Amino acid sequence: MKKIIAISLVSLFGASAFAGGDARPYPDLYVTKSCPQEYNGYWGFGAGWNYDGNKFKNNLYDITNNYSSKYSATDHNSTGVGRFFLAYNFYNERGYSLAIESGAYTSGNKTKKIKMTTYSTGVSNVALDVSAKRKPAYYLAFKPKFDATTWWANITLGGAATAFQLQSKVYLDVDNVNQVSLDKLDNIYKDGFVTYGWMVGLGAGIWLSPSWALSLDYDYINWANKSAKILKNYSSRVITQYTETGIKEGSFSHFVTLNFKNNFSWFFG
């Protein structure tokens, strides 16, 4: 008897979790008409627009000669973006639901800024060319939803992670950024690191069939401070010079995407 009960429970769970279609806007062929589906999974993909704002820093320190240069800059860039997501949706009888969704956005464009900097010793004929690029952003979010007959609206609250790649080119003996050239290049520093952020967003969608829906989503991610060190010179096992790179508080990403959503009925229905 215990085996029969266990098999029955597993079968019911499997049918409800992977059945195609949303019971509220459309009938579910896998359950009776009087028992609406209470939860299901969904997946989707989309494309749209991304706008990144990066506040980056590049601080140079020479411990032996006791000088430093503190550099910071802000730059913005936009590009097309792709998206993929996978989720599990819990319903209730009042037309509201809660989805737990994980997903990813593709990389952003490289942002870049060239500016003059001054060493603490008073030397001012130095230019820095610093660029930053956001790699794919991964997120996990809660999405409270209001489900109407053929459409829905939701908000998004969650967290995200990404990696940034920074590159810094140091040019010496230049009086302004227009004099930056290959023969003035002194050093190139490259660094990469992972950072995290909080995420908020809004979305709305409409059902195209019992299995497929179209949604428009906006998400905002605010990235946390992050620093990493590049060690350049050693002398008798003592660090003599290093560079500290990173992004500063205020770095952010905007995403607007048009998405197709499927309720685990794959390409049927």
Protein backbone atom coordinates (compact mmCIF):
# COMPACT_ATOMS: atom_id res chain seq x y z
CA MET A 1 0.00 0.00 0.00
CA LYS A 2 2.84 2.42 0.88
CA LYS A 3 4.40 1.81 -2.54
CA ILE A 4 1.08 2.56 -4.29
CA ILE A 5 0.65 5.82 -2.33
CA ALA A 6 4.23 6.89 -3.05
CA ILE A 7 3.92 6.16 -6.78
CA SER A 8 0.62 8.05 -6.90
CA LEU A 9 2.10 11.14 -5.22
CA VAL A 10 5.12 11.16 -7.55
CA SER A 11 2.84 10.82 -10.58
CA LEU A 12 0.61 13.69 -9.45
CA PHE A 13 3.58 15.94 -8.78
CA GLY A 14 5.14 15.19 -12.15
CA ALA A 15 1.90 15.82 -14.01
CA SER A 16 1.26 19.15 -12.30
CA ALA A 17 4.83 20.42 -12.59
CA PHE A 18 5.33 19.67 -16.27
CA ALA A 19 1.84 19.97 -17.72
CA GLY A 20 1.52 22.45 -20.57
CA GLY A 21 -0.53 25.62 -20.35
CA ASP A 22 -1.69 27.98 -17.65
CA ALA A 23 -4.94 26.81 -16.08
CA ARG A 24 -6.33 30.26 -15.50
CA PRO A 25 -6.33 31.76 -19.00
CA TYR A 26 -6.69 28.40 -20.77
CA PRO A 27 -7.98 24.92 -19.81
CA ASP A 28 -5.37 22.36 -18.77
CA LEU A 29 -5.80 19.07 -20.60
CA TYR A 30 -3.75 17.24 -17.97
CA VAL A 31 -6.03 17.96 -14.99
CA THR A 32 -9.78 18.01 -14.52
CA LYS A 33 -11.70 21.20 -15.24
CA SER A 34 -12.73 21.52 -11.60
CA CYS A 35 -9.13 21.28 -10.28
CA PRO A 36 -6.99 24.13 -11.61
CA GLN A 37 -3.24 23.67 -11.81
CA GLU A 38 -1.61 25.17 -8.69
CA TYR A 39 2.00 25.39 -9.86
CA ASN A 40 4.12 24.88 -12.94
CA GLY A 41 7.49 25.59 -14.45
CA TYR A 42 8.29 27.85 -17.39
CA TRP A 43 11.27 28.88 -19.49
CA GLY A 44 11.88 31.55 -22.08
CA PHE A 45 14.25 33.64 -24.14
CA GLY A 46 14.33 37.16 -25.48
CA ALA A 47 16.29 40.04 -26.93
CA GLY A 48 16.41 43.77 -26.41
CA TRP A 49 18.54 46.69 -25.29
CA ASN A 50 21.14 47.17 -22.55
CA TYR A 51 22.59 50.39 -21.11
CA ASP A 52 25.59 50.17 -18.73
CA GLY A 53 27.05 52.95 -16.62
CA ASN A 54 30.47 52.16 -15.18
CA LYS A 55 32.34 54.17 -12.55
CA PHE A 56 35.82 52.70 -12.56
CA LYS A 57 39.07 53.42 -10.75
CA ASN A 58 42.75 52.78 -11.37
CA ASN A 59 45.08 53.73 -8.51
CA LEU A 60 48.84 53.38 -8.99
CA TYR A 61 51.16 53.04 -5.98
CA ASP A 62 54.97 53.07 -5.92
CA ILE A 63 55.98 52.04 -2.41
CA THR A 64 59.75 52.41 -2.92
CA ASN A 65 59.65 55.97 -4.23
CA ASN A 66 56.56 56.89 -2.18
CA TYR A 67 54.31 58.24 -4.91
CA SER A 68 50.82 57.43 -6.12
CA SER A 69 48.19 58.40 -8.67
CA LYS A 70 44.46 58.07 -7.95
CA TYR A 71 42.29 57.90 -11.06
CA SER A 72 38.52 57.60 -11.41
CA ALA A 73 36.19 58.06 -14.36
CA THR A 74 32.62 57.40 -15.46
CA ASP A 75 31.49 56.21 -18.87
CA HIS A 76 28.28 54.85 -20.41
CA ASN A 77 27.52 52.59 -23.33
CA SER A 78 24.60 50.69 -24.83
CA THR A 79 24.22 47.59 -26.95
CA GLY A 80 21.79 44.86 -27.94
CA VAL A 81 21.32 42.12 -25.37
CA GLY A 82 20.04 38.54 -25.26
CA ARG A 83 18.29 36.82 -22.37
CA PHE A 84 17.41 33.31 -21.16
CA PHE A 85 15.39 32.36 -18.07
CA LEU A 86 13.99 29.34 -16.22
CA ALA A 87 11.43 29.53 -13.42
CA TYR A 88 8.89 27.86 -11.18
CA ASN A 89 5.50 29.51 -10.63
CA PHE A 90 3.20 29.08 -7.60
CA TYR A 91 -0.47 30.05 -7.99
CA ASN A 92 -3.31 30.79 -5.61
CA GLU A 93 -7.05 31.03 -6.14
CA ARG A 94 -7.28 34.87 -6.11
CA GLY A 95 -5.49 35.58 -9.38
CA TYR A 96 -2.07 36.21 -7.86
CA SER A 97 1.06 34.10 -8.17
CA LEU A 98 4.73 34.08 -7.21
CA ALA A 99 7.50 32.92 -9.53
CA ILE A 100 11.07 32.12 -8.56
CA GLU A 101 13.13 32.85 -11.67
CA SER A 102 16.79 32.44 -12.57
CA GLY A 103 18.30 33.72 -15.78
CA ALA A 104 21.11 35.50 -17.58
CA TYR A 105 21.76 38.54 -19.76
CA THR A 106 24.55 38.62 -22.33
CA SER A 107 27.64 40.86 -22.09
CA GLY A 108 27.61 44.63 -22.37
CA ASN A 109 29.76 46.88 -24.53
CA LYS A 110 33.16 48.11 -23.44
CA THR A 111 33.15 51.53 -21.79
CA LYS A 112 36.29 53.64 -22.07
CA LYS A 113 37.74 56.91 -20.79
CA ILE A 114 41.10 58.65 -21.39
CA LYS A 115 42.15 61.43 -19.03
CA MET A 116 45.23 63.08 -17.55
CA THR A 117 46.30 62.19 -14.03
CA THR A 118 48.80 63.58 -11.54
CA TYR A 119 51.26 61.70 -9.36
CA SER A 120 51.60 62.67 -5.71
CA THR A 121 55.14 63.86 -6.51
CA GLY A 122 53.68 66.55 -8.75
CA VAL A 123 54.39 64.86 -12.08
CA SER A 124 51.42 65.61 -14.34
CA ASN A 125 52.50 64.43 -17.79
CA VAL A 126 50.74 61.06 -17.41
CA ALA A 127 47.59 59.89 -19.21
CA LEU A 128 45.50 56.83 -18.36
CA ASP A 129 43.28 55.00 -20.84
CA VAL A 130 40.97 52.81 -18.76
CA SER A 131 38.26 50.53 -20.17
CA ALA A 132 35.72 48.28 -18.46
CA LYS A 133 33.44 45.60 -19.86
CA ARG A 134 30.60 43.79 -18.13
CA LYS A 135 30.48 40.05 -18.81
CA PRO A 136 27.18 38.06 -18.76
CA ALA A 137 24.97 38.93 -15.78
CA TYR A 138 23.26 36.09 -13.89
CA TYR A 139 20.29 36.67 -11.59
CA LEU A 140 17.90 34.99 -9.18
CA ALA A 141 14.66 36.84 -8.45
CA PHE A 142 11.18 36.67 -6.96
CA LYS A 143 8.40 37.80 -9.31
CA PRO A 144 5.02 38.50 -7.67
CA LYS A 145 2.37 38.50 -10.43
CA PHE A 146 -1.23 39.46 -11.00
CA ASP A 147 -2.81 37.02 -13.47
CA ALA A 148 -5.82 38.16 -15.50
CA THR A 149 -7.64 36.06 -18.10
CA THR A 150 -5.25 36.52 -21.01
CA TRP A 151 -2.52 38.79 -19.58
CA TRP A 152 -0.43 39.39 -16.46
CA ALA A 153 1.71 42.05 -14.77
CA ASN A 154 4.61 41.50 -12.40
CA ILE A 155 7.37 43.14 -10.40
CA THR A 156 10.88 41.73 -9.98
CA LEU A 157 13.01 41.69 -6.81
CA GLY A 158 16.30 39.83 -6.63
CA GLY A 159 20.05 39.70 -6.77
CA ALA A 160 22.60 39.37 -9.58
CA ALA A 161 26.27 38.61 -10.22
CA THR A 162 28.63 39.45 -13.04
CA ALA A 163 32.32 39.73 -13.88
CA PHE A 164 34.03 42.90 -15.06
CA GLN A 165 37.17 43.02 -17.21
CA LEU A 166 39.29 46.15 -16.78
CA GLN A 167 42.24 47.25 -18.86
CA SER A 168 44.47 50.24 -18.09
CA LYS A 169 47.05 51.76 -20.42
CA VAL A 170 49.57 54.19 -18.92
CA TYR A 171 51.13 56.84 -21.20
CA LEU A 172 54.12 58.98 -20.12
CA ASP A 173 55.46 62.32 -21.33
CA VAL A 174 52.15 63.62 -22.67
CA ASP A 175 50.69 67.07 -22.06
CA ASN A 176 47.10 66.22 -23.09
CA VAL A 177 45.05 63.24 -24.22
CA ASN A 178 45.52 64.16 -27.88
CA GLN A 179 49.21 63.22 -27.56
CA VAL A 180 48.44 59.63 -26.54
CA SER A 181 50.19 57.28 -28.99
CA LEU A 182 51.84 53.89 -29.08
CA ASP A 183 55.35 55.30 -28.63
CA LYS A 184 54.22 56.95 -25.35
CA LEU A 185 52.82 53.70 -23.92
CA ASP A 186 54.51 52.68 -20.66
CA ASN A 187 52.44 49.82 -19.22
CA ILE A 188 49.23 47.83 -19.75
CA TYR A 189 47.36 46.38 -16.78
CA LYS A 190 44.57 43.83 -17.19
CA ASP A 191 42.30 42.59 -14.45
CA GLY A 192 39.06 40.68 -14.00
CA PHE A 193 36.82 40.20 -10.97
CA VAL A 194 33.33 39.15 -9.91
CA THR A 195 30.88 41.54 -8.29
CA TYR A 196 27.27 41.43 -7.10
CA GLY A 197 24.24 43.69 -7.11
CA TRP A 198 20.57 44.10 -6.26
CA MET A 199 17.88 43.95 -8.92
CA VAL A 200 14.40 45.48 -9.38
CA GLY A 201 12.10 45.44 -12.39
CA LEU A 202 8.65 45.52 -13.95
CA GLY A 203 7.02 43.35 -16.58
CA ALA A 204 3.80 42.55 -18.39
CA GLY A 205 2.76 39.78 -20.77
CA ILE A 206 -0.02 38.40 -22.91
CA TRP A 207 -0.89 34.79 -23.73
CA LEU A 208 -0.62 33.84 -27.42
CA SER A 209 -1.76 30.23 -26.93
CA PRO A 210 -2.28 27.79 -24.05
CA SER A 211 1.50 27.27 -23.98
CA TRP A 212 3.18 30.39 -25.36
CA ALA A 213 3.19 33.98 -24.14
CA LEU A 214 4.90 37.25 -25.08
CA SER A 215 6.27 39.58 -22.37
CA LEU A 216 7.98 42.96 -22.14
CA ASP A 217 10.36 43.34 -19.18
CA TYR A 218 12.50 46.08 -17.69
CA ASP A 219 15.21 45.24 -15.12
CA TYR A 220 17.65 47.49 -13.26
CA ILE A 221 20.76 46.15 -11.51
CA ASN A 222 22.98 48.24 -9.23
CA TRP A 223 26.50 46.83 -8.92
CA ALA A 224 28.50 46.89 -5.67
CA ASN A 225 31.99 48.27 -5.14
CA LYS A 226 34.76 45.90 -6.14
CA SER A 227 38.55 46.22 -6.13
CA ALA A 228 41.44 43.99 -7.16
CA LYS A 229 45.19 44.45 -7.06
CA ILE A 230 47.76 43.89 -9.80
CA LEU A 231 51.28 43.44 -8.45
CA LYS A 232 53.95 44.77 -10.78
CA ASN A 233 57.42 44.74 -9.18
CA TYR A 234 59.16 42.85 -6.40
CA SER A 235 62.51 43.50 -4.73
CA SER A 236 63.86 40.93 -2.26
CA ARG A 237 60.35 39.47 -2.00
CA VAL A 238 58.92 42.86 -1.15
CA ILE A 239 56.27 44.49 -3.33
CA THR A 240 57.57 47.77 -4.71
CA GLN A 241 54.74 48.78 -7.06
CA TYR A 242 51.12 47.78 -7.60
CA THR A 243 47.90 48.93 -9.25
CA GLU A 244 44.46 48.82 -7.65
CA THR A 245 41.63 48.54 -10.18
CA GLY A 246 37.90 48.25 -9.68
CA ILE A 247 34.42 49.66 -10.14
CA LYS A 248 32.88 52.14 -7.74
CA GLU A 249 29.46 52.48 -6.16
CA GLY A 250 27.03 53.80 -8.74
CA SER A 251 27.83 51.35 -11.53
CA PHE A 252 24.56 50.05 -12.98
CA SER A 253 22.86 48.18 -15.83
CA HIS A 254 19.47 48.74 -17.49
CA PHE A 255 17.81 45.95 -19.50
CA VAL A 256 14.68 46.14 -21.67
CA THR A 257 13.74 42.88 -23.43
CA LEU A 258 10.90 41.37 -25.45
CA ASN A 259 10.57 37.71 -24.46
CA PHE A 260 8.84 34.49 -25.45
CA LYS A 261 7.69 32.35 -22.52
CA ASN A 262 6.73 28.65 -22.62
CA ASN A 263 5.02 26.70 -19.83
CA PHE A 264 7.14 23.56 -20.15
CA SER A 265 5.03 22.30 -23.04
CA TRP A 266 8.12 22.93 -25.17
CA PHE A 267 7.07 23.41 -28.82
CA PHE A 268 3.62 21.87 -28.56
CA GLY A 269 0.29 23.52 -27.94
